[in-house]
Amino acid sequence: MNFFISPAFAEAVPPPMEGPNPMIQVALLAGFLLIFYTFVMRPQRKRDKAKLNLIASLQKGDEVVTSGGIVGKITKVSEGFVVVEVSDKLELKFQRASIIASLPKGTMKAI
């Protein structure tokens, strides 16, 4: 005789739970990767490519803006640096990578 638990109240062991479908997990992962590429990687690559094209196309006479906000006209271009004329008889030397934008001709006179 069992005095503690009667056989009528004992519960059966529940069947093991099945996990989610692995194909759904793969599809979700692929979806997240596609969203990440579309909204993060692709625009960043476009900006990088445009920046490299800008740096490669710098020429004497271009009006540019530096990363510090200085506006000037390029007077001399070397391999790693450019000399920018900020005002009459004042020239500053900058690394090419610090040039962030090229302005249309005549912009300096309008400022």
PDB file of N, CA and C in Angstrom:
ATOM      1  N   MET A   1       0.817  -1.189   0.000  1.00  0.00           N
ATOM      2  CA  MET A   1       0.000   0.000   0.000  1.00  0.00           C
ATOM      3  C   MET A   1       0.856   1.246   0.000  1.00  0.00           C
ATOM      4  N   ASN A   2       0.452   2.131  -0.874  1.00  0.00           N
ATOM      5  CA  ASN A   2       1.165   3.382  -0.973  1.00  0.00           C
ATOM      6  C   ASN A   2       0.318   4.443  -0.292  1.00  0.00           C
ATOM      7  N   PHE A   3       0.829   5.029   0.805  1.00  0.00           N
ATOM      8  CA  PHE A   3       0.056   5.978   1.591  1.00  0.00           C
ATOM      9  C   PHE A   3       0.221   7.426   1.130  1.00  0.00           C
ATOM     10  N   PHE A   4       1.190   7.710   0.322  1.00  0.00           N
ATOM     11  CA  PHE A   4       1.479   9.104   0.013  1.00  0.00           C
ATOM     12  C   PHE A   4       0.761   9.607  -1.243  1.00  0.00           C
ATOM     13  N   ILE A   5       0.858   8.946  -2.366  1.00  0.00           N
ATOM     14  CA  ILE A   5       0.234   9.400  -3.608  1.00  0.00           C
ATOM     15  C   ILE A   5      -0.593   8.256  -4.156  1.00  0.00           C
ATOM     16  N   SER A   6      -1.829   8.564  -4.391  1.00  0.00           N
ATOM     17  CA  SER A   6      -2.657   7.517  -4.966  1.00  0.00           C
ATOM     18  C   SER A   6      -2.422   7.486  -6.461  1.00  0.00           C
ATOM     19  N   PRO A   7      -2.559   6.348  -7.094  1.00  0.00           N
ATOM     20  CA  PRO A   7      -2.334   6.241  -8.531  1.00  0.00           C
ATOM     21  C   PRO A   7      -3.292   7.095  -9.349  1.00  0.00           C
ATOM     22  N   ALA A   8      -4.397   7.487  -8.815  1.00  0.00           N
ATOM     23  CA  ALA A   8      -5.371   8.269  -9.569  1.00  0.00           C
ATOM     24  C   ALA A   8      -4.895   9.704  -9.780  1.00  0.00           C
ATOM     25  N   PHE A   9      -4.074  10.228  -8.877  1.00  0.00           N
ATOM     26  CA  PHE A   9      -3.639  11.624  -8.976  1.00  0.00           C
ATOM     27  C   PHE A   9      -2.279  11.797  -9.649  1.00  0.00           C
ATOM     28  N   ALA A  10      -1.615  10.767  -9.977  1.00  0.00           N
ATOM     29  CA  ALA A  10      -0.312  10.877 -10.634  1.00  0.00           C
ATOM     30  C   ALA A  10      -0.515  11.377 -12.069  1.00  0.00           C
ATOM     31  N   GLU A  11       0.357  12.268 -12.512  1.00  0.00           N
ATOM     32  CA  GLU A  11       0.242  12.828 -13.860  1.00  0.00           C
ATOM     33  C   GLU A  11       1.181  12.106 -14.801  1.00  0.00           C
ATOM     34  N   ALA A  12       0.738  12.041 -16.028  1.00  0.00           N
ATOM     35  CA  ALA A  12       1.580  11.424 -17.045  1.00  0.00           C
ATOM     36  C   ALA A  12       2.648  12.429 -17.479  1.00  0.00           C
ATOM     37  N   VAL A  13       3.741  11.945 -17.979  1.00  0.00           N
ATOM     38  CA  VAL A  13       4.808  12.792 -18.465  1.00  0.00           C
ATOM     39  C   VAL A  13       4.359  13.422 -19.789  1.00  0.00           C
ATOM     40  N   PRO A  14       4.475  14.775 -19.932  1.00  0.00           N
ATOM     41  CA  PRO A  14       4.030  15.400 -21.178  1.00  0.00           C
ATOM     42  C   PRO A  14       4.959  15.013 -22.334  1.00  0.00           C
ATOM     43  N   PRO A  15       4.429  14.993 -23.536  1.00  0.00           N
ATOM     44  CA  PRO A  15       5.275  14.648 -24.681  1.00  0.00           C
ATOM     45  C   PRO A  15       6.332  15.740 -24.893  1.00  0.00           C
ATOM     46  N   PRO A  16       7.482  15.390 -25.427  1.00  0.00           N
ATOM     47  CA  PRO A  16       8.521  16.400 -25.636  1.00  0.00           C
ATOM     48  C   PRO A  16       8.057  17.453 -26.650  1.00  0.00           C
ATOM     49  N   MET A  17       8.437  18.714 -26.380  1.00  0.00           N
ATOM     50  CA  MET A  17       8.054  19.818 -27.263  1.00  0.00           C
ATOM     51  C   MET A  17       8.948  19.806 -28.500  1.00  0.00           C
ATOM     52  N   GLU A  18       8.351  20.104 -29.638  1.00  0.00           N
ATOM     53  CA  GLU A  18       9.133  20.220 -30.862  1.00  0.00           C
ATOM     54  C   GLU A  18       9.614  21.661 -30.981  1.00  0.00           C
ATOM     55  N   GLY A  19      10.845  21.867 -31.456  1.00  0.00           N
ATOM     56  CA  GLY A  19      11.399  23.201 -31.643  1.00  0.00           C
ATOM     57  C   GLY A  19      10.823  23.851 -32.880  1.00  0.00           C
ATOM     58  N   PRO A  20      11.115  25.129 -33.072  1.00  0.00           N
ATOM     59  CA  PRO A  20      10.623  25.804 -34.279  1.00  0.00           C
ATOM     60  C   PRO A  20      11.271  25.219 -35.533  1.00  0.00           C
ATOM     61  N   ASN A  21      10.609  25.412 -36.620  1.00  0.00           N
ATOM     62  CA  ASN A  21      11.088  24.896 -37.893  1.00  0.00           C
ATOM     63  C   ASN A  21      12.433  25.557 -38.241  1.00  0.00           C
ATOM     64  N   PRO A  22      13.473  24.788 -38.529  1.00  0.00           N
ATOM     65  CA  PRO A  22      14.778  25.390 -38.841  1.00  0.00           C
ATOM     66  C   PRO A  22      14.755  26.258 -40.104  1.00  0.00           C
ATOM     67  N   MET A  23      13.883  25.964 -41.039  1.00  0.00           N
ATOM     68  CA  MET A  23      13.806  26.775 -42.252  1.00  0.00           C
ATOM     69  C   MET A  23      13.313  28.191 -41.936  1.00  0.00           C
ATOM     70  N   ILE A  24      12.426  28.322 -40.971  1.00  0.00           N
ATOM     71  CA  ILE A  24      11.942  29.645 -40.565  1.00  0.00           C
ATOM     72  C   ILE A  24      13.086  30.440 -39.950  1.00  0.00           C
ATOM     73  N   GLN A  25      13.909  29.792 -39.140  1.00  0.00           N
ATOM     74  CA  GLN A  25      15.046  30.474 -38.525  1.00  0.00           C
ATOM     75  C   GLN A  25      16.048  30.933 -39.585  1.00  0.00           C
ATOM     76  N   VAL A  26      16.305  30.110 -40.574  1.00  0.00           N
ATOM     77  CA  VAL A  26      17.226  30.487 -41.651  1.00  0.00           C
ATOM     78  C   VAL A  26      16.648  31.658 -42.446  1.00  0.00           C
ATOM     79  N   ALA A  27      15.352  31.632 -42.712  1.00  0.00           N
ATOM     80  CA  ALA A  27      14.708  32.713 -43.460  1.00  0.00           C
ATOM     81  C   ALA A  27      14.765  34.026 -42.675  1.00  0.00           C
ATOM     82  N   LEU A  28      14.549  33.981 -41.371  1.00  0.00           N
ATOM     83  CA  LEU A  28      14.639  35.191 -40.551  1.00  0.00           C
ATOM     84  C   LEU A  28      16.055  35.747 -40.539  1.00  0.00           C
ATOM     85  N   LEU A  29      17.043  34.890 -40.408  1.00  0.00           N
ATOM     86  CA  LEU A  29      18.433  35.324 -40.425  1.00  0.00           C
ATOM     87  C   LEU A  29      18.782  35.974 -41.770  1.00  0.00           C
ATOM     88  N   ALA A  30      18.352  35.353 -42.849  1.00  0.00           N
ATOM     89  CA  ALA A  30      18.609  35.917 -44.172  1.00  0.00           C
ATOM     90  C   ALA A  30      17.908  37.274 -44.327  1.00  0.00           C
ATOM     91  N   GLY A  31      16.718  37.396 -43.788  1.00  0.00           N
ATOM     92  CA  GLY A  31      15.990  38.668 -43.841  1.00  0.00           C
ATOM     93  C   GLY A  31      16.712  39.768 -43.079  1.00  0.00           C
ATOM     94  N   PHE A  32      17.215  39.445 -41.895  1.00  0.00           N
ATOM     95  CA  PHE A  32      17.962  40.429 -41.108  1.00  0.00           C
ATOM     96  C   PHE A  32      19.239  40.844 -41.829  1.00  0.00           C
ATOM     97  N   LEU A  33      19.935  39.907 -42.433  1.00  0.00           N
ATOM     98  CA  LEU A  33      21.155  40.235 -43.162  1.00  0.00           C
ATOM     99  C   LEU A  33      20.847  41.131 -44.364  1.00  0.00           C
ATOM    100  N   LEU A  34      19.759  40.852 -45.061  1.00  0.00           N
ATOM    101  CA  LEU A  34      19.362  41.672 -46.204  1.00  0.00           C
ATOM    102  C   LEU A  34      19.023  43.096 -45.767  1.00  0.00           C
ATOM    103  N   ILE A  35      18.297  43.232 -44.679  1.00  0.00           N
ATOM    104  CA  ILE A  35      17.951  44.558 -44.156  1.00  0.00           C
ATOM    105  C   ILE A  35      19.216  45.302 -43.730  1.00  0.00           C
ATOM    106  N   PHE A  36      20.135  44.630 -43.043  1.00  0.00           N
ATOM    107  CA  PHE A  36      21.385  45.244 -42.602  1.00  0.00           C
ATOM    108  C   PHE A  36      22.195  45.731 -43.800  1.00  0.00           C
ATOM    109  N   TYR A  37      22.300  44.913 -44.820  1.00  0.00           N
ATOM    110  CA  TYR A  37      23.050  45.299 -46.016  1.00  0.00           C
ATOM    111  C   TYR A  37      22.400  46.500 -46.695  1.00  0.00           C
ATOM    112  N   THR A  38      21.067  46.475 -46.819  1.00  0.00           N
ATOM    113  CA  THR A  38      20.353  47.521 -47.539  1.00  0.00           C
ATOM    114  C   THR A  38      20.443  48.870 -46.829  1.00  0.00           C
ATOM    115  N   PHE A  39      20.322  48.877 -45.517  1.00  0.00           N
ATOM    116  CA  PHE A  39      20.257  50.149 -44.793  1.00  0.00           C
ATOM    117  C   PHE A  39      21.577  50.612 -44.194  1.00  0.00           C
ATOM    118  N   VAL A  40      22.571  49.741 -44.089  1.00  0.00           N
ATOM    119  CA  VAL A  40      23.826  50.140 -43.453  1.00  0.00           C
ATOM    120  C   VAL A  40      25.006  50.021 -44.409  1.00  0.00           C
ATOM    121  N   MET A  41      25.249  48.850 -44.928  1.00  0.00           N
ATOM    122  CA  MET A  41      26.460  48.601 -45.708  1.00  0.00           C
ATOM    123  C   MET A  41      26.461  49.331 -47.055  1.00  0.00           C
ATOM    124  N   ARG A  42      25.384  49.233 -47.785  1.00  0.00           N
ATOM    125  CA  ARG A  42      25.338  49.802 -49.134  1.00  0.00           C
ATOM    126  C   ARG A  42      25.495  51.325 -49.131  1.00  0.00           C
ATOM    127  N   PRO A  43      24.758  52.063 -48.295  1.00  0.00           N
ATOM    128  CA  PRO A  43      24.953  53.518 -48.277  1.00  0.00           C
ATOM    129  C   PRO A  43      26.367  53.922 -47.840  1.00  0.00           C
ATOM    130  N   GLN A  44      26.945  53.186 -46.897  1.00  0.00           N
ATOM    131  CA  GLN A  44      28.295  53.510 -46.457  1.00  0.00           C
ATOM    132  C   GLN A  44      29.300  53.300 -47.580  1.00  0.00           C
ATOM    133  N   ARG A  45      29.153  52.258 -48.348  1.00  0.00           N
ATOM    134  CA  ARG A  45      30.047  52.024 -49.485  1.00  0.00           C
ATOM    135  C   ARG A  45      29.916  53.124 -50.538  1.00  0.00           C
ATOM    136  N   LYS A  46      28.690  53.596 -50.759  1.00  0.00           N
ATOM    137  CA  LYS A  46      28.485  54.673 -51.723  1.00  0.00           C
ATOM    138  C   LYS A  46      29.178  55.952 -51.260  1.00  0.00           C
ATOM    139  N   ARG A  47      29.066  56.277 -49.964  1.00  0.00           N
ATOM    140  CA  ARG A  47      29.729  57.468 -49.429  1.00  0.00           C
ATOM    141  C   ARG A  47      31.245  57.342 -49.534  1.00  0.00           C
ATOM    142  N   ASP A  48      31.772  56.163 -49.208  1.00  0.00           N
ATOM    143  CA  ASP A  48      33.219  55.947 -49.291  1.00  0.00           C
ATOM    144  C   ASP A  48      33.717  56.106 -50.727  1.00  0.00           C
ATOM    145  N   LYS A  49      32.976  55.558 -51.671  1.00  0.00           N
ATOM    146  CA  LYS A  49      33.370  55.651 -53.082  1.00  0.00           C
ATOM    147  C   LYS A  49      33.341  57.100 -53.559  1.00  0.00           C
ATOM    148  N   ALA A  50      32.317  57.861 -53.169  1.00  0.00           N
ATOM    149  CA  ALA A  50      32.232  59.263 -53.552  1.00  0.00           C
ATOM    150  C   ALA A  50      33.377  60.071 -52.942  1.00  0.00           C
ATOM    151  N   LYS A  51      33.737  59.772 -51.697  1.00  0.00           N
ATOM    152  CA  LYS A  51      34.846  60.475 -51.036  1.00  0.00           C
ATOM    153  C   LYS A  51      36.170  60.180 -51.746  1.00  0.00           C
ATOM    154  N   LEU A  52      36.409  58.927 -52.106  1.00  0.00           N
ATOM    155  CA  LEU A  52      37.643  58.578 -52.818  1.00  0.00           C
ATOM    156  C   LEU A  52      37.710  59.249 -54.189  1.00  0.00           C
ATOM    157  N   ASN A  53      36.578  59.317 -54.875  1.00  0.00           N
ATOM    158  CA  ASN A  53      36.539  60.000 -56.178  1.00  0.00           C
ATOM    159  C   ASN A  53      36.830  61.488 -56.022  1.00  0.00           C
ATOM    160  N   LEU A  54      36.291  62.103 -54.960  1.00  0.00           N
ATOM    161  CA  LEU A  54      36.539  63.517 -54.711  1.00  0.00           C
ATOM    162  C   LEU A  54      38.022  63.765 -54.451  1.00  0.00           C
ATOM    163  N   ILE A  55      38.626  62.962 -53.601  1.00  0.00           N
ATOM    164  CA  ILE A  55      40.037  63.139 -53.260  1.00  0.00           C
ATOM    165  C   ILE A  55      40.924  62.927 -54.485  1.00  0.00           C
ATOM    166  N   ALA A  56      40.588  61.958 -55.308  1.00  0.00           N
ATOM    167  CA  ALA A  56      41.399  61.675 -56.494  1.00  0.00           C
ATOM    168  C   ALA A  56      41.271  62.767 -57.556  1.00  0.00           C
ATOM    169  N   SER A  57      40.151  63.482 -57.577  1.00  0.00           N
ATOM    170  CA  SER A  57      39.922  64.454 -58.647  1.00  0.00           C
ATOM    171  C   SER A  57      40.294  65.880 -58.257  1.00  0.00           C
ATOM    172  N   LEU A  58      40.927  66.088 -57.111  1.00  0.00           N
ATOM    173  CA  LEU A  58      41.308  67.444 -56.709  1.00  0.00           C
ATOM    174  C   LEU A  58      42.344  68.016 -57.671  1.00  0.00           C
ATOM    175  N   GLN A  59      42.111  69.267 -58.100  1.00  0.00           N
ATOM    176  CA  GLN A  59      43.011  69.938 -59.037  1.00  0.00           C
ATOM    177  C   GLN A  59      43.249  71.365 -58.572  1.00  0.00           C
ATOM    178  N   LYS A  60      44.284  71.946 -59.112  1.00  0.00           N
ATOM    179  CA  LYS A  60      44.591  73.342 -58.833  1.00  0.00           C
ATOM    180  C   LYS A  60      43.442  74.208 -59.337  1.00  0.00           C
ATOM    181  N   GLY A  61      42.996  75.147 -58.499  1.00  0.00           N
ATOM    182  CA  GLY A  61      41.900  76.037 -58.874  1.00  0.00           C
ATOM    183  C   GLY A  61      40.548  75.619 -58.318  1.00  0.00           C
ATOM    184  N   ASP A  62      40.424  74.397 -57.810  1.00  0.00           N
ATOM    185  CA  ASP A  62      39.154  73.953 -57.225  1.00  0.00           C
ATOM    186  C   ASP A  62      38.891  74.686 -55.918  1.00  0.00           C
ATOM    187  N   GLU A  63      37.642  75.033 -55.694  1.00  0.00           N
ATOM    188  CA  GLU A  63      37.238  75.629 -54.422  1.00  0.00           C
ATOM    189  C   GLU A  63      36.698  74.508 -53.550  1.00  0.00           C
ATOM    190  N   VAL A  64      37.225  74.396 -52.323  1.00  0.00           N
ATOM    191  CA  VAL A  64      36.919  73.249 -51.474  1.00  0.00           C
ATOM    192  C   VAL A  64      36.574  73.686 -50.055  1.00  0.00           C
ATOM    193  N   VAL A  65      35.987  72.740 -49.315  1.00  0.00           N
ATOM    194  CA  VAL A  65      35.715  72.901 -47.892  1.00  0.00           C
ATOM    195  C   VAL A  65      36.460  71.799 -47.166  1.00  0.00           C
ATOM    196  N   THR A  66      37.158  72.165 -46.084  1.00  0.00           N
ATOM    197  CA  THR A  66      37.883  71.167 -45.295  1.00  0.00           C
ATOM    198  C   THR A  66      36.991  70.630 -44.191  1.00  0.00           C
ATOM    199  N   SER A  67      37.451  69.593 -43.517  1.00  0.00           N
ATOM    200  CA  SER A  67      36.669  69.010 -42.425  1.00  0.00           C
ATOM    201  C   SER A  67      36.536  69.975 -41.254  1.00  0.00           C
ATOM    202  N   GLY A  68      37.408  70.979 -41.167  1.00  0.00           N
ATOM    203  CA  GLY A  68      37.313  72.000 -40.133  1.00  0.00           C
ATOM    204  C   GLY A  68      36.415  73.160 -40.517  1.00  0.00           C
ATOM    205  N   GLY A  69      35.870  73.124 -41.731  1.00  0.00           N
ATOM    206  CA  GLY A  69      34.965  74.169 -42.180  1.00  0.00           C
ATOM    207  C   GLY A  69      35.651  75.313 -42.894  1.00  0.00           C
ATOM    208  N   ILE A  70      36.931  75.189 -43.197  1.00  0.00           N
ATOM    209  CA  ILE A  70      37.662  76.243 -43.891  1.00  0.00           C
ATOM    210  C   ILE A  70      37.393  76.142 -45.389  1.00  0.00           C
ATOM    211  N   VAL A  71      37.043  77.279 -45.981  1.00  0.00           N
ATOM    212  CA  VAL A  71      36.754  77.349 -47.412  1.00  0.00           C
ATOM    213  C   VAL A  71      37.927  78.033 -48.097  1.00  0.00           C
ATOM    214  N   GLY A  72      38.375  77.460 -49.196  1.00  0.00           N
ATOM    215  CA  GLY A  72      39.488  78.065 -49.910  1.00  0.00           C
ATOM    216  C   GLY A  72      39.645  77.495 -51.297  1.00  0.00           C
ATOM    217  N   LYS A  73      40.664  78.025 -52.001  1.00  0.00           N
ATOM    218  CA  LYS A  73      40.952  77.596 -53.371  1.00  0.00           C
ATOM    219  C   LYS A  73      42.288  76.866 -53.374  1.00  0.00           C
ATOM    220  N   ILE A  74      42.327  75.717 -54.027  1.00  0.00           N
ATOM    221  CA  ILE A  74      43.549  74.928 -54.088  1.00  0.00           C
ATOM    222  C   ILE A  74      44.551  75.619 -55.005  1.00  0.00           C
ATOM    223  N   THR A  75      45.785  75.809 -54.471  1.00  0.00           N
ATOM    224  CA  THR A  75      46.836  76.425 -55.270  1.00  0.00           C
ATOM    225  C   THR A  75      47.929  75.440 -55.651  1.00  0.00           C
ATOM    226  N   LYS A  76      48.024  74.353 -54.904  1.00  0.00           N
ATOM    227  CA  LYS A  76      49.071  73.377 -55.180  1.00  0.00           C
ATOM    228  C   LYS A  76      48.579  72.003 -54.717  1.00  0.00           C
ATOM    229  N   VAL A  77      48.824  70.991 -55.554  1.00  0.00           N
ATOM    230  CA  VAL A  77      48.411  69.630 -55.235  1.00  0.00           C
ATOM    231  C   VAL A  77      49.643  68.735 -55.260  1.00  0.00           C
ATOM    232  N   SER A  78      49.848  67.980 -54.172  1.00  0.00           N
ATOM    233  CA  SER A  78      50.910  66.973 -54.150  1.00  0.00           C
ATOM    234  C   SER A  78      50.269  65.625 -53.846  1.00  0.00           C
ATOM    235  N   GLU A  79      51.089  64.615 -53.666  1.00  0.00           N
ATOM    236  CA  GLU A  79      50.549  63.266 -53.509  1.00  0.00           C
ATOM    237  C   GLU A  79      49.650  63.118 -52.281  1.00  0.00           C
ATOM    238  N   GLY A  80      50.083  63.632 -51.154  1.00  0.00           N
ATOM    239  CA  GLY A  80      49.294  63.450 -49.933  1.00  0.00           C
ATOM    240  C   GLY A  80      48.691  64.721 -49.379  1.00  0.00           C
ATOM    241  N   PHE A  81      49.099  65.887 -49.924  1.00  0.00           N
ATOM    242  CA  PHE A  81      48.660  67.156 -49.365  1.00  0.00           C
ATOM    243  C   PHE A  81      48.184  68.097 -50.470  1.00  0.00           C
ATOM    244  N   VAL A  82      47.389  69.081 -50.055  1.00  0.00           N
ATOM    245  CA  VAL A  82      46.996  70.167 -50.934  1.00  0.00           C
ATOM    246  C   VAL A  82      47.261  71.477 -50.194  1.00  0.00           C
ATOM    247  N   VAL A  83      47.616  72.507 -50.945  1.00  0.00           N
ATOM    248  CA  VAL A  83      47.790  73.841 -50.371  1.00  0.00           C
ATOM    249  C   VAL A  83      46.558  74.639 -50.764  1.00  0.00           C
ATOM    250  N   VAL A  84      45.888  75.190 -49.749  1.00  0.00           N
ATOM    251  CA  VAL A  84      44.631  75.904 -49.970  1.00  0.00           C
ATOM    252  C   VAL A  84      44.843  77.374 -49.636  1.00  0.00           C
ATOM    253  N   GLU A  85      44.493  78.240 -50.580  1.00  0.00           N
ATOM    254  CA  GLU A  85      44.555  79.681 -50.342  1.00  0.00           C
ATOM    255  C   GLU A  85      43.245  80.105 -49.695  1.00  0.00           C
ATOM    256  N   VAL A  86      43.353  80.580 -48.448  1.00  0.00           N
ATOM    257  CA  VAL A  86      42.172  80.943 -47.680  1.00  0.00           C
ATOM    258  C   VAL A  86      41.804  82.402 -47.941  1.00  0.00           C
ATOM    259  N   SER A  87      42.794  83.256 -47.990  1.00  0.00           N
ATOM    260  CA  SER A  87      42.590  84.660 -48.340  1.00  0.00           C
ATOM    261  C   SER A  87      43.833  85.126 -49.083  1.00  0.00           C
ATOM    262  N   ASP A  88      43.875  86.395 -49.448  1.00  0.00           N
ATOM    263  CA  ASP A  88      45.048  86.906 -50.167  1.00  0.00           C
ATOM    264  C   ASP A  88      46.305  86.678 -49.337  1.00  0.00           C
ATOM    265  N   LYS A  89      47.279  86.021 -49.913  1.00  0.00           N
ATOM    266  CA  LYS A  89      48.597  85.780 -49.321  1.00  0.00           C
ATOM    267  C   LYS A  89      48.575  84.880 -48.087  1.00  0.00           C
ATOM    268  N   LEU A  90      47.489  84.159 -47.854  1.00  0.00           N
ATOM    269  CA  LEU A  90      47.446  83.203 -46.738  1.00  0.00           C
ATOM    270  C   LEU A  90      47.119  81.825 -47.291  1.00  0.00           C
ATOM    271  N   GLU A  91      48.097  80.940 -47.228  1.00  0.00           N
ATOM    272  CA  GLU A  91      47.931  79.580 -47.725  1.00  0.00           C
ATOM    273  C   GLU A  91      48.129  78.598 -46.581  1.00  0.00           C
ATOM    274  N   LEU A  92      47.295  77.583 -46.550  1.00  0.00           N
ATOM    275  CA  LEU A  92      47.375  76.541 -45.527  1.00  0.00           C
ATOM    276  C   LEU A  92      47.546  75.194 -46.214  1.00  0.00           C
ATOM    277  N   LYS A  93      48.289  74.304 -45.571  1.00  0.00           N
ATOM    278  CA  LYS A  93      48.513  72.975 -46.124  1.00  0.00           C
ATOM    279  C   LYS A  93      47.618  71.980 -45.384  1.00  0.00           C
ATOM    280  N   PHE A  94      46.891  71.172 -46.144  1.00  0.00           N
ATOM    281  CA  PHE A  94      45.980  70.170 -45.593  1.00  0.00           C
ATOM    282  C   PHE A  94      46.271  68.811 -46.209  1.00  0.00           C
ATOM    283  N   GLN A  95      45.958  67.771 -45.455  1.00  0.00           N
ATOM    284  CA  GLN A  95      45.981  66.435 -46.043  1.00  0.00           C
ATOM    285  C   GLN A  95      44.813  66.331 -47.008  1.00  0.00           C
ATOM    286  N   ARG A  96      44.991  65.549 -48.051  1.00  0.00           N
ATOM    287  CA  ARG A  96      43.911  65.384 -49.042  1.00  0.00           C
ATOM    288  C   ARG A  96      42.650  64.811 -48.405  1.00  0.00           C
ATOM    289  N   ALA A  97      42.813  63.926 -47.431  1.00  0.00           N
ATOM    290  CA  ALA A  97      41.652  63.284 -46.805  1.00  0.00           C
ATOM    291  C   ALA A  97      40.811  64.265 -45.998  1.00  0.00           C
ATOM    292  N   SER A  98      41.364  65.430 -45.647  1.00  0.00           N
ATOM    293  CA  SER A  98      40.587  66.392 -44.857  1.00  0.00           C
ATOM    294  C   SER A  98      39.660  67.246 -45.721  1.00  0.00           C
ATOM    295  N   ILE A  99      39.737  67.111 -47.039  1.00  0.00           N
ATOM    296  CA  ILE A  99      38.817  67.826 -47.927  1.00  0.00           C
ATOM    297  C   ILE A  99      37.511  67.037 -47.973  1.00  0.00           C
ATOM    298  N   ILE A 100      36.407  67.707 -47.599  1.00  0.00           N
ATOM    299  CA  ILE A 100      35.129  66.983 -47.537  1.00  0.00           C
ATOM    300  C   ILE A 100      34.174  67.350 -48.664  1.00  0.00           C
ATOM    301  N   ALA A 101      34.410  68.500 -49.324  1.00  0.00           N
ATOM    302  CA  ALA A 101      33.494  68.880 -50.406  1.00  0.00           C
ATOM    303  C   ALA A 101      34.208  69.787 -51.396  1.00  0.00           C
ATOM    304  N   SER A 102      33.765  69.703 -52.620  1.00  0.00           N
ATOM    305  CA  SER A 102      34.237  70.588 -53.668  1.00  0.00           C
ATOM    306  C   SER A 102      33.083  71.527 -54.021  1.00  0.00           C
ATOM    307  N   LEU A 103      33.374  72.820 -54.059  1.00  0.00           N
ATOM    308  CA  LEU A 103      32.330  73.809 -54.309  1.00  0.00           C
ATOM    309  C   LEU A 103      32.329  74.228 -55.775  1.00  0.00           C
ATOM    310  N   PRO A 104      31.199  74.719 -56.272  1.00  0.00           N
ATOM    311  CA  PRO A 104      31.161  75.243 -57.643  1.00  0.00           C
ATOM    312  C   PRO A 104      32.051  76.485 -57.758  1.00  0.00           C
ATOM    313  N   LYS A 105      32.583  76.715 -58.939  1.00  0.00           N
ATOM    314  CA  LYS A 105      33.451  77.876 -59.175  1.00  0.00           C
ATOM    315  C   LYS A 105      32.696  79.173 -58.852  1.00  0.00           C
ATOM    316  N   GLY A 106      33.404  80.093 -58.195  1.00  0.00           N
ATOM    317  CA  GLY A 106      32.806  81.387 -57.858  1.00  0.00           C
ATOM    318  C   GLY A 106      32.105  81.411 -56.517  1.00  0.00           C
ATOM    319  N   THR A 107      32.073  80.326 -55.803  1.00  0.00           N
ATOM    320  CA  THR A 107      31.380  80.276 -54.519  1.00  0.00           C
ATOM    321  C   THR A 107      32.081  81.153 -53.486  1.00  0.00           C
ATOM    322  N   MET A 108      33.414  81.187 -53.519  1.00  0.00           N
ATOM    323  CA  MET A 108      34.152  81.973 -52.537  1.00  0.00           C
ATOM    324  C   MET A 108      33.841  83.459 -52.661  1.00  0.00           C
ATOM    325  N   LYS A 109      33.635  83.946 -53.858  1.00  0.00           N
ATOM    326  CA  LYS A 109      33.314  85.371 -54.030  1.00  0.00           C
ATOM    327  C   LYS A 109      31.942  85.694 -53.478  1.00  0.00           C
ATOM    328  N   ALA A 110      31.035  84.740 -53.527  1.00  0.00           N
ATOM    329  CA  ALA A 110      29.678  84.967 -53.052  1.00  0.00           C
ATOM    330  C   ALA A 110      29.581  84.933 -51.525  1.00  0.00           C
ATOM    331  N   ILE A 111      30.589  84.344 -50.873  1.00  0.00           N
ATOM    332  CA  ILE A 111      30.532  84.227 -49.407  1.00  0.00           C
ATOM    333  C   ILE A 111      30.981  85.518 -48.765  1.00  0.00           C
TER     334      ILE A 111
END
